[in-house]
Amino acid sequence: MADDAALRRSLICLAAIMAVIGLYTHSLKKVMATYLFGMLAIGGVVLPDWEFFDRPVSQWSSPLSVPQLPPLHPPHSPPTPSRFRFYPIRTMIYAMVYGYGFYKWWMYISST
């Protein structure tokens, strides 16, 4: 349910950014470019299976092993994995890909 809330918040922010771009540029093409870039960014950050990618990059090609947990009683909740762990290589990959995408988007939006 928390993932749904993050997705909903991201989509609302994207809609607000699209409205600002539309009012500022009066261009449907630029609004659609903003939508496309935003959806790709949301799809790359909010939707991935973080339990799979929350490992060192060298282990991404191997299957994810699921630990066998004993059955839990109703008052206990299963431990939630940390959403973001800091891995320098993963951070560099995300920074390069999204930085380049943001640069290209900004150049397109700011052109007349």
Protein backbone atom coordinates (compact mmCIF):
# COMPACT_ATOMS: atom_id res chain seq x y z
CA MET A 1 0.00 0.00 0.00
CA ALA A 2 2.90 2.38 0.70
CA ASP A 3 4.18 1.81 -2.85
CA ASP A 4 0.77 2.85 -4.18
CA ALA A 5 0.96 6.06 -2.17
CA ALA A 6 4.44 6.84 -3.55
CA LEU A 7 3.22 6.17 -7.09
CA ARG A 8 0.13 8.33 -6.58
CA ARG A 9 2.22 11.19 -5.18
CA SER A 10 4.67 10.94 -8.08
CA LEU A 11 1.86 11.05 -10.64
CA ILE A 12 0.28 14.08 -8.95
CA CYS A 13 3.64 15.89 -9.01
CA LEU A 14 4.05 14.99 -12.67
CA ALA A 15 0.60 16.38 -13.46
CA ALA A 16 1.49 19.64 -11.67
CA ILE A 17 4.77 19.92 -13.59
CA MET A 18 2.92 19.25 -16.85
CA ALA A 19 0.44 22.03 -16.03
CA VAL A 20 3.25 24.50 -15.30
CA ILE A 21 5.05 23.55 -18.54
CA GLY A 22 1.80 23.91 -20.49
CA LEU A 23 1.06 27.34 -19.03
CA TYR A 24 4.65 28.51 -19.50
CA THR A 25 5.27 27.26 -23.06
CA HIS A 26 1.76 26.92 -24.55
CA SER A 27 3.05 23.85 -26.41
CA LEU A 28 1.28 20.50 -26.39
CA LYS A 29 4.45 18.83 -27.72
CA LYS A 30 6.46 20.04 -24.73
CA VAL A 31 3.75 18.93 -22.32
CA MET A 32 3.76 15.48 -23.94
CA ALA A 33 7.58 15.36 -23.77
CA THR A 34 7.32 16.21 -20.08
CA TYR A 35 4.76 13.45 -19.61
CA LEU A 36 6.95 10.90 -21.41
CA PHE A 37 10.10 11.87 -19.49
CA GLY A 38 8.19 11.90 -16.19
CA MET A 39 6.61 8.50 -16.76
CA LEU A 40 9.99 6.99 -17.66
CA ALA A 41 11.54 8.57 -14.57
CA ILE A 42 8.72 7.36 -12.32
CA GLY A 43 8.91 3.90 -13.89
CA GLY A 44 12.64 3.77 -13.23
CA VAL A 45 12.58 4.98 -9.64
CA VAL A 46 9.21 4.14 -8.06
CA LEU A 47 8.18 0.87 -9.71
CA PRO A 48 11.26 -1.43 -9.76
CA ASP A 49 11.44 -4.44 -7.51
CA TRP A 50 13.74 -2.86 -4.93
CA GLU A 51 14.31 -6.13 -3.10
CA PHE A 52 15.93 -7.41 -6.30
CA PHE A 53 17.94 -4.26 -7.06
CA ASP A 54 18.80 -3.53 -3.42
CA ARG A 55 21.94 -5.65 -3.73
CA PRO A 56 25.40 -4.97 -5.10
CA VAL A 57 25.39 -4.52 -8.89
CA SER A 58 27.52 -7.64 -9.36
CA GLN A 59 24.66 -9.78 -7.98
CA TRP A 60 21.91 -8.39 -10.27
CA SER A 61 22.37 -11.21 -12.77
CA SER A 62 21.77 -13.92 -10.15
CA PRO A 63 18.31 -14.90 -8.88
CA LEU A 64 17.04 -13.44 -5.65
CA SER A 65 16.97 -15.93 -2.80
CA VAL A 66 14.01 -15.63 -0.48
CA PRO A 67 14.80 -16.41 3.17
CA GLN A 68 12.48 -18.89 4.81
CA LEU A 69 10.75 -17.09 7.64
CA PRO A 70 8.72 -18.86 10.32
CA PRO A 71 4.98 -18.11 10.19
CA LEU A 72 4.16 -14.88 11.93
CA HIS A 73 1.32 -14.33 14.32
CA PRO A 74 -1.17 -11.54 13.45
CA PRO A 75 0.18 -8.95 15.95
CA HIS A 76 3.64 -9.18 14.35
CA SER A 77 4.30 -7.61 11.02
CA PRO A 78 7.02 -8.81 8.64
CA PRO A 79 10.13 -6.67 8.55
CA THR A 80 10.07 -4.19 5.72
CA PRO A 81 13.25 -4.04 3.67
CA SER A 82 15.07 -0.75 3.47
CA ARG A 83 13.85 1.05 0.36
CA PHE A 84 17.17 2.63 -0.58
CA ARG A 85 20.58 1.40 0.43
CA PHE A 86 23.56 3.35 -0.77
CA TYR A 87 25.57 1.54 -3.41
CA PRO A 88 28.01 3.87 -5.19
CA ILE A 89 27.85 2.15 -8.60
CA ARG A 90 24.05 2.09 -8.64
CA THR A 91 23.97 5.74 -7.58
CA MET A 92 26.40 6.68 -10.37
CA ILE A 93 24.34 4.78 -12.96
CA TYR A 94 21.12 6.49 -11.87
CA ALA A 95 22.81 9.90 -11.73
CA MET A 96 24.25 9.55 -15.23
CA VAL A 97 21.07 8.22 -16.86
CA TYR A 98 18.66 10.62 -15.18
CA GLY A 99 21.08 13.55 -15.38
CA TYR A 100 21.42 13.11 -19.15
CA GLY A 101 17.66 12.65 -19.54
CA PHE A 102 16.95 15.73 -17.45
CA TYR A 103 19.49 17.76 -19.47
CA LYS A 104 17.93 16.73 -22.80
CA TRP A 105 14.42 17.40 -21.48
CA TRP A 106 15.45 20.83 -20.17
CA MET A 107 17.12 21.75 -23.49
CA TYR A 108 13.91 20.79 -25.32
CA ILE A 109 11.62 22.66 -22.90
CA SER A 110 13.75 25.81 -22.81
CA SER A 111 14.10 26.02 -26.59
CA THR A 112 11.65 28.33 -28.35
